Amino acid sequence: MRTYSISALLILILAALLLCSSVHAEDGSFSSNGTAGKYPMTFTDSADRNVTIQMPIERIIVLSTDAAEAVELMEAEDMIVGVSDTVQKYSWTFPNLKKKALVGKWSAPDYETIGQIAKGNEDSITPNILVLGYPSGKMAGKSYAVDAVEAGLKPFKNISVAGFSFYKADGLDEELRKLGQILNKEDKAQEYIAWKSSKREAIASAVKGESLVKVYFESAQPKGLGELKSNGAGADIDRSIRLAGGINVFGSSKEETVTTDWETVIKENPDIIFQAKADDMMGWRAFPSSETAAAQKARDEIMSRAGGSAVNAIKNDKIWILYRKILYGPGSVVGATYMAKLMYPEADLDPEGAYKEYLDLLGVDYPEGRTFVYPELESD
């Protein structure tokens, strides 16, 4: 009887261990003999692909600025051995990566170069390298998604390829948790998530009780007033506007990207107008400068649109040009903080401080003498 009891107990313990080890696999995260950190390790990426790595990752190739940003948040930039053209282009955002090897365009990687980097001076490729690409996407009808990257690297053995956007708010935390587990940097992933949560809570608290204002967000400088671009429900910008205490005038649209016209905007009569400006530099030199002159030109164009005198935002001079980089990706809570402060100037918020904190997480110095909204925020 005693022998039977011990055997039964062992069976129960083993069953419990197997159940625990299957938790990560069931929720689409990890399994490796069930446990993150043991090898081989299998995880599910954002393209719903199972990816197996055979040993700890020591080398990373990033095919997007968002992936580069995510790796920097993990304080793992020393692992990066190759970058896309966009990462090199935005060297002011990635000063730690500007000397890394170029592996082609973000939408058309150079697979031979990646293979050579992976092989190095060895006879074969050590399977400690990971390529981070996009889960999906096409450019001029040609896929640049992770499946296409994997196919391009098929001649080279032992190169793991994973697809994460590190861009969309609804999946960002989970993607960063997975990256933290892959790189054994779970603490850094949690540090970022906790920081972002604290900033979101600060915004919500600061605007609580305010009368909601109507916001029109123009996602790009227009080619014509008959084809303006904005965002609807589900878009990250819509989430940021709502967090900041605003009502997106196109928030009822089921389309994330909304094509509209100026006549429709006039009818919506927004209280605030934001326009995103291309991030071709690290913010703009403070006024007066040629950079803020360009932002002023964009603002003047909005102010002078036909029929604009009937729009509250124009009547009350509530129009701002926003630096695109703060609006999307891991740092988007910074953009939401700026929006909230612009909409409610008395709110107890410090957007510049929030951006400094975010750049500190990336290991990047805050660029003094630059501005990220125009007209600039008035000092408290």
Protein backbone atom coordinates (compact mmCIF):
# COMPACT_ATOMS: atom_id res chain seq x y z
CA MET A 1 0.00 0.00 0.00
CA ARG A 2 2.84 2.36 0.91
CA THR A 3 4.61 1.67 -2.40
CA TYR A 4 1.37 2.41 -4.27
CA SER A 5 0.93 5.73 -2.44
CA ILE A 6 4.46 6.88 -3.26
CA SER A 7 4.02 5.88 -6.90
CA ALA A 8 0.74 7.73 -7.08
CA LEU A 9 2.32 10.81 -5.51
CA LEU A 10 5.15 10.76 -8.04
CA ILE A 11 2.65 10.53 -10.87
CA LEU A 12 0.75 13.53 -9.50
CA ILE A 13 3.96 15.57 -9.17
CA LEU A 14 5.03 14.73 -12.71
CA ALA A 15 1.58 15.63 -14.01
CA ALA A 16 1.73 18.97 -12.21
CA LEU A 17 5.16 19.71 -13.65
CA LEU A 18 3.98 18.88 -17.15
CA LEU A 19 0.95 21.12 -16.67
CA CYS A 20 3.14 24.02 -15.54
CA SER A 21 5.55 23.49 -18.40
CA SER A 22 2.72 23.63 -20.92
CA VAL A 23 1.36 26.99 -19.76
CA HIS A 24 3.64 29.10 -21.91
CA ALA A 25 3.05 26.92 -24.97
CA GLU A 26 -0.74 27.14 -24.64
CA ASP A 27 -0.82 30.94 -24.49
CA GLY A 28 1.39 31.22 -27.56
CA SER A 29 4.52 32.10 -25.66
CA PHE A 30 7.18 29.53 -24.88
CA SER A 31 7.90 25.86 -24.63
CA SER A 32 11.24 24.17 -24.32
CA ASN A 33 10.99 21.00 -22.56
CA GLY A 34 8.50 23.59 -21.36
CA THR A 35 10.65 26.32 -19.86
CA ALA A 36 11.96 29.60 -21.19
CA GLY A 37 15.73 29.70 -20.79
CA LYS A 38 16.26 26.02 -21.61
CA TYR A 39 17.17 24.75 -25.06
CA PRO A 40 15.96 23.98 -27.57
CA MET A 41 13.44 26.81 -26.94
CA THR A 42 10.30 27.21 -29.02
CA PHE A 43 8.12 30.31 -29.08
CA THR A 44 5.30 31.66 -31.23
CA ASP A 45 6.00 34.94 -33.00
CA SER A 46 3.46 37.57 -34.07
CA ALA A 47 3.04 35.92 -37.46
CA ASP A 48 1.75 32.86 -35.57
CA ARG A 49 4.87 30.88 -36.52
CA ASN A 50 6.60 28.47 -34.17
CA VAL A 51 10.27 29.43 -33.95
CA THR A 52 12.86 27.18 -32.33
CA ILE A 53 16.26 28.36 -31.17
CA GLN A 54 18.89 25.79 -30.28
CA MET A 55 21.08 27.79 -27.92
CA PRO A 56 21.25 31.22 -26.22
CA ILE A 57 21.04 34.10 -28.70
CA GLU A 58 24.24 36.14 -28.85
CA ARG A 59 23.82 37.87 -32.22
CA ILE A 60 20.83 39.78 -33.61
CA ILE A 61 20.03 41.34 -36.97
CA VAL A 62 17.24 43.93 -36.95
CA LEU A 63 15.29 44.71 -40.12
CA SER A 64 13.29 47.62 -38.71
CA THR A 65 13.74 50.64 -36.48
CA ASP A 66 11.05 49.25 -34.18
CA ALA A 67 13.00 46.02 -33.69
CA ALA A 68 16.15 48.05 -33.02
CA GLU A 69 14.28 50.10 -30.43
CA ALA A 70 12.94 46.96 -28.76
CA VAL A 71 16.41 45.41 -28.51
CA GLU A 72 17.77 48.64 -27.05
CA LEU A 73 14.99 48.60 -24.44
CA MET A 74 16.36 45.19 -23.43
CA GLU A 75 19.84 46.76 -23.11
CA ALA A 76 20.99 44.19 -25.64
CA GLU A 77 22.26 46.52 -28.37
CA ASP A 78 25.73 44.93 -28.07
CA MET A 79 24.20 41.77 -29.53
CA ILE A 80 23.17 43.56 -32.73
CA VAL A 81 25.51 42.69 -35.60
CA GLY A 82 23.47 43.94 -38.55
CA VAL A 83 20.86 46.61 -39.27
CA SER A 84 18.56 47.72 -42.08
CA ASP A 85 18.99 50.96 -44.01
CA THR A 86 16.35 52.72 -41.90
CA VAL A 87 18.27 52.11 -38.68
CA GLN A 88 21.36 53.66 -40.24
CA LYS A 89 19.29 56.53 -41.64
CA TYR A 90 17.96 57.43 -38.19
CA SER A 91 21.40 57.39 -36.62
CA TRP A 92 20.47 60.24 -34.26
CA THR A 93 17.90 57.91 -32.71
CA PHE A 94 20.29 54.96 -32.70
CA PRO A 95 23.77 56.38 -32.02
CA ASN A 96 24.81 53.04 -30.53
CA LEU A 97 24.05 51.26 -33.81
CA LYS A 98 25.42 53.60 -36.47
CA LYS A 99 28.57 51.51 -36.99
CA LYS A 100 26.77 48.18 -37.28
CA ALA A 101 26.90 46.29 -40.60
CA LEU A 102 24.28 47.23 -43.19
CA VAL A 103 22.14 44.29 -44.36
CA GLY A 104 20.14 46.00 -47.08
CA LYS A 105 16.79 47.77 -47.22
CA TRP A 106 14.15 47.23 -44.57
CA SER A 107 11.80 45.99 -47.31
CA ALA A 108 14.44 44.06 -49.29
CA PRO A 109 17.18 42.56 -47.10
CA ASP A 110 20.46 41.41 -48.60
CA TYR A 111 20.34 37.72 -47.73
CA GLU A 112 23.88 36.99 -48.88
CA THR A 113 25.21 39.66 -46.53
CA ILE A 114 23.15 38.28 -43.66
CA GLY A 115 24.48 34.80 -44.42
CA GLN A 116 28.08 36.05 -44.45
CA ILE A 117 27.60 37.86 -41.14
CA ALA A 118 26.04 34.75 -39.63
CA LYS A 119 28.92 32.55 -40.79
CA GLY A 120 31.69 34.97 -39.86
CA ASN A 121 35.09 33.27 -40.00
CA GLU A 122 33.72 29.85 -39.16
CA ASP A 123 33.16 26.92 -41.51
CA SER A 124 29.50 26.76 -40.55
CA ILE A 125 26.92 29.00 -38.88
CA THR A 126 26.68 28.78 -35.11
CA PRO A 127 22.94 28.79 -34.28
CA ASN A 128 23.16 31.71 -31.85
CA ILE A 129 21.85 34.30 -34.31
CA LEU A 130 18.32 35.71 -34.62
CA VAL A 131 16.88 37.88 -37.40
CA LEU A 132 13.99 40.13 -36.30
CA GLY A 133 11.63 41.08 -39.14
CA TYR A 134 8.03 42.15 -39.68
CA PRO A 135 5.14 39.71 -39.14
CA SER A 136 3.47 40.90 -42.36
CA GLY A 137 3.67 43.53 -45.06
CA LYS A 138 4.15 44.24 -48.76
CA MET A 139 5.94 46.95 -50.72
CA ALA A 140 5.10 47.40 -54.41
CA GLY A 141 3.41 44.01 -54.36
CA LYS A 142 6.45 42.24 -52.89
CA SER A 143 6.35 40.76 -49.40
CA TYR A 144 8.88 41.85 -46.81
CA ALA A 145 7.22 39.75 -44.11
CA VAL A 146 9.01 37.20 -41.99
CA ASP A 147 7.94 34.31 -44.27
CA ALA A 148 9.70 35.98 -47.20
CA VAL A 149 12.79 36.61 -45.08
CA GLU A 150 12.86 32.99 -43.96
CA ALA A 151 12.58 31.85 -47.58
CA GLY A 152 15.42 34.17 -48.59
CA LEU A 153 17.65 32.73 -45.88
CA LYS A 154 16.77 29.11 -46.64
CA PRO A 155 20.19 28.38 -48.24
CA PHE A 156 21.80 29.27 -44.90
CA LYS A 157 21.34 26.81 -42.07
CA ASN A 158 20.97 27.67 -38.39
CA ILE A 159 19.65 31.25 -38.76
CA SER A 160 16.49 31.73 -36.71
CA VAL A 161 13.95 34.26 -38.02
CA ALA A 162 11.12 35.79 -35.97
CA GLY A 163 8.39 38.28 -36.86
CA PHE A 164 7.44 40.95 -34.32
CA SER A 165 6.05 44.39 -35.10
CA PHE A 166 7.17 46.10 -31.84
CA TYR A 167 4.86 48.82 -33.08
CA LYS A 168 1.18 48.07 -32.50
CA ALA A 169 -0.01 48.98 -29.03
CA ASP A 170 -2.36 46.04 -28.58
CA GLY A 171 0.43 43.46 -28.79
CA LEU A 172 3.51 45.42 -27.82
CA ASP A 173 3.81 44.33 -24.18
CA GLU A 174 3.48 40.65 -25.06
CA GLU A 175 6.07 40.98 -27.84
CA LEU A 176 8.52 42.64 -25.48
CA ARG A 177 7.94 39.99 -22.82
CA LYS A 178 8.78 37.33 -25.39
CA LEU A 179 11.88 39.19 -26.52
CA GLY A 180 12.92 39.52 -22.89
CA GLN A 181 12.60 35.77 -22.42
CA ILE A 182 14.44 35.02 -25.66
CA LEU A 183 17.36 37.26 -24.64
CA ASN A 184 17.20 36.43 -20.93
CA LYS A 185 16.25 40.05 -20.26
CA GLU A 186 12.85 39.60 -18.63
CA ASP A 187 13.67 42.25 -16.04
CA LYS A 188 14.24 44.88 -18.74
CA ALA A 189 10.97 44.05 -20.47
CA GLN A 190 9.14 44.40 -17.18
CA GLU A 191 10.95 47.66 -16.41
CA TYR A 192 9.67 49.20 -19.65
CA ILE A 193 6.13 47.87 -19.19
CA ALA A 194 5.99 49.25 -15.63
CA TRP A 195 7.32 52.62 -16.81
CA LYS A 196 4.75 52.85 -19.60
CA SER A 197 1.96 51.88 -17.22
CA SER A 198 2.99 54.63 -14.80
CA LYS A 199 2.91 57.22 -17.60
CA ARG A 200 -0.51 56.08 -18.77
CA GLU A 201 -1.82 56.32 -15.21
CA ALA A 202 -0.33 59.82 -14.89
CA ILE A 203 -2.15 60.97 -18.04
CA ALA A 204 -5.46 59.44 -16.98
CA SER A 205 -5.20 61.07 -13.55
CA ALA A 206 -4.19 64.47 -14.94
CA VAL A 207 -7.13 64.77 -17.36
CA LYS A 208 -9.76 63.15 -15.14
CA GLY A 209 -12.84 65.36 -14.90
CA GLU A 210 -11.92 67.53 -17.88
CA SER A 211 -14.57 68.29 -20.50
CA LEU A 212 -13.70 66.17 -23.53
CA VAL A 213 -12.50 68.06 -26.59
CA LYS A 214 -12.93 67.01 -30.23
CA VAL A 215 -9.66 66.20 -31.99
CA TYR A 216 -8.83 65.89 -35.67
CA PHE A 217 -5.55 64.09 -36.28
CA GLU A 218 -3.96 64.42 -39.72
CA SER A 219 -1.48 61.60 -40.14
CA ALA A 220 0.48 63.19 -42.98
CA GLN A 221 0.91 66.50 -44.72
CA PRO A 222 -1.75 66.50 -47.46
CA LYS A 223 -1.25 66.28 -51.20
CA GLY A 224 -4.65 67.83 -51.62
CA LEU A 225 -7.64 68.74 -49.48
CA GLY A 226 -9.79 66.14 -51.19
CA GLU A 227 -7.70 63.26 -49.86
CA LEU A 228 -6.69 63.78 -46.24
CA LYS A 229 -5.46 60.92 -44.06
CA SER A 230 -6.60 60.35 -40.50
CA ASN A 231 -7.22 57.41 -38.16
CA GLY A 232 -10.30 55.59 -36.93
CA ALA A 233 -11.19 53.21 -34.12
CA GLY A 234 -8.55 50.62 -33.30
CA ALA A 235 -5.65 52.73 -34.55
CA ASP A 236 -2.94 53.51 -32.02
CA ILE A 237 -3.50 57.24 -32.56
CA ASP A 238 -7.16 56.82 -31.65
CA ARG A 239 -6.09 55.11 -28.42
CA SER A 240 -3.66 57.93 -27.63
CA ILE A 241 -6.29 60.62 -28.26
CA ARG A 242 -8.76 58.89 -25.96
CA LEU A 243 -6.11 58.36 -23.28
CA ALA A 244 -5.23 62.06 -23.49
CA GLY A 245 -8.84 63.04 -22.84
CA GLY A 246 -9.99 63.73 -26.38
CA ILE A 247 -12.67 62.54 -28.77
CA ASN A 248 -11.31 61.48 -32.15
CA VAL A 249 -13.69 62.99 -34.73
CA PHE A 250 -13.22 59.85 -36.84
CA GLY A 251 -13.25 57.48 -33.88
CA SER A 252 -16.52 55.92 -35.02
CA SER A 253 -14.93 54.69 -38.24
CA LYS A 254 -14.12 50.97 -38.30
CA GLU A 255 -11.12 51.66 -40.54
CA GLU A 256 -7.78 52.23 -38.84
CA THR A 257 -6.71 54.47 -41.72
CA VAL A 258 -9.37 56.96 -42.77
CA THR A 259 -9.38 58.87 -46.06
CA THR A 260 -11.46 62.03 -45.78
CA ASP A 261 -11.66 65.59 -47.14
CA TRP A 262 -11.52 69.08 -45.72
CA GLU A 263 -15.25 69.67 -46.12
CA THR A 264 -15.94 66.71 -43.84
CA VAL A 265 -13.45 68.00 -41.27
CA ILE A 266 -15.21 71.39 -41.30
CA LYS A 267 -18.51 69.64 -40.56
CA GLU A 268 -16.92 67.72 -37.67
CA ASN A 269 -15.66 71.06 -36.29
CA PRO A 270 -12.75 69.84 -34.13
CA ASP A 271 -11.54 71.84 -31.13
CA ILE A 272 -7.96 70.66 -31.66
CA ILE A 273 -6.01 69.82 -34.82
CA PHE A 274 -2.82 67.76 -34.70
CA GLN A 275 -0.72 67.01 -37.77
CA ALA A 276 2.16 64.53 -37.78
CA LYS A 277 5.35 65.66 -39.49
CA ALA A 278 7.95 63.31 -40.92
CA ASP A 279 10.69 62.39 -38.47
CA ASP A 280 13.67 62.99 -40.72
CA MET A 281 15.72 64.31 -37.80
CA MET A 282 15.70 64.13 -34.00
CA GLY A 283 13.01 66.72 -33.45
CA TRP A 284 13.51 70.27 -34.67
CA ARG A 285 15.91 72.95 -33.57
CA ALA A 286 14.06 75.33 -31.31
CA PHE A 287 12.51 78.45 -32.82
CA PRO A 288 13.76 80.38 -34.71
CA SER A 289 15.30 77.85 -37.10
CA SER A 290 14.82 76.54 -40.64
CA GLU A 291 13.30 73.39 -39.15
CA THR A 292 10.63 75.19 -37.15
CA ALA A 293 10.06 77.41 -40.18
CA ALA A 294 9.02 74.27 -42.07
CA ALA A 295 6.68 73.32 -39.23
CA GLN A 296 5.28 76.86 -39.25
CA LYS A 297 4.65 76.55 -43.00
CA ALA A 298 2.69 73.33 -42.43
CA ARG A 299 0.68 75.01 -39.68
CA ASP A 300 0.00 78.09 -41.83
CA GLU A 301 -1.33 75.84 -44.58
CA ILE A 302 -3.93 74.43 -42.19
CA MET A 303 -4.82 77.89 -40.87
CA SER A 304 -5.43 79.19 -44.40
CA ARG A 305 -7.63 76.37 -45.70
CA ALA A 306 -10.87 77.52 -47.30
CA GLY A 307 -13.75 77.61 -44.84
CA GLY A 308 -11.41 77.13 -41.91
CA SER A 309 -12.68 80.22 -40.11
CA ALA A 310 -15.71 78.16 -39.07
CA VAL A 311 -13.57 75.51 -37.34
CA ASN A 312 -13.07 75.94 -33.59
CA ALA A 313 -9.44 74.77 -33.71
CA ILE A 314 -8.58 77.48 -36.24
CA LYS A 315 -10.68 80.19 -34.58
CA ASN A 316 -9.00 79.50 -31.23
CA ASP A 317 -5.47 78.89 -32.58
CA LYS A 318 -5.40 75.27 -31.35
CA ILE A 319 -3.26 73.66 -34.05
CA TRP A 320 -0.02 71.80 -33.43
CA ILE A 321 2.49 69.99 -35.62
CA LEU A 322 3.82 66.87 -33.88
CA TYR A 323 7.11 65.01 -34.30
CA ARG A 324 6.05 61.65 -35.72
CA LYS A 325 8.50 59.49 -33.77
CA ILE A 326 6.86 60.23 -30.41
CA LEU A 327 3.45 59.08 -31.66
CA TYR A 328 4.08 55.44 -32.54
CA GLY A 329 5.78 52.32 -31.26
CA PRO A 330 7.23 51.76 -27.79
CA GLY A 331 7.51 55.51 -27.15
CA SER A 332 3.93 56.37 -28.11
CA VAL A 333 2.97 57.14 -24.50
CA VAL A 334 5.27 60.16 -24.83
CA GLY A 335 3.14 61.40 -27.72
CA ALA A 336 -0.01 60.86 -25.65
CA THR A 337 1.55 62.90 -22.84
CA TYR A 338 2.28 65.77 -25.24
CA MET A 339 -1.26 65.59 -26.64
CA ALA A 340 -2.80 65.72 -23.17
CA LYS A 341 -0.66 68.70 -22.15
CA LEU A 342 -1.53 70.59 -25.34
CA MET A 343 -5.22 69.86 -24.95
CA TYR A 344 -5.24 70.69 -21.23
CA PRO A 345 -2.38 73.12 -20.48
CA GLU A 346 -3.13 73.11 -16.75
CA ALA A 347 -2.78 69.33 -16.48
CA ASP A 348 -0.01 68.20 -14.15
CA LEU A 349 2.11 66.55 -16.84
CA ASP A 350 5.72 66.86 -17.97
CA PRO A 351 6.02 65.63 -21.59
CA GLU A 352 9.67 66.61 -21.91
CA GLY A 353 10.49 64.72 -18.73
CA ALA A 354 8.61 61.67 -20.03
CA TYR A 355 10.63 61.74 -23.25
CA LYS A 356 13.89 62.08 -21.34
CA GLU A 357 12.95 59.02 -19.30
CA TYR A 358 12.11 57.03 -22.41
CA LEU A 359 15.35 57.93 -24.16
CA ASP A 360 17.19 56.99 -20.98
CA LEU A 361 15.62 53.52 -21.21
CA LEU A 362 17.07 53.36 -24.73
CA GLY A 363 20.47 54.57 -23.56
CA VAL A 364 20.15 57.72 -25.69
CA ASP A 365 20.88 61.26 -24.51
CA TYR A 366 18.02 63.74 -24.69
CA PRO A 367 18.76 66.29 -27.46
CA GLU A 368 18.82 69.62 -25.68
CA GLY A 369 17.69 72.59 -27.73
CA ARG A 370 15.24 70.54 -29.79
CA THR A 371 11.46 70.66 -29.85
CA PHE A 372 8.96 67.92 -30.65
CA VAL A 373 5.80 69.99 -31.02
CA TYR A 374 5.20 73.24 -32.83
CA PRO A 375 4.31 75.78 -31.57
CA GLU A 376 6.38 74.82 -28.57
CA LEU A 377 4.87 74.19 -25.18
CA GLU A 378 4.97 77.16 -22.88
CA SER A 379 7.05 76.66 -19.74
CA ASP A 380 5.07 76.16 -16.55
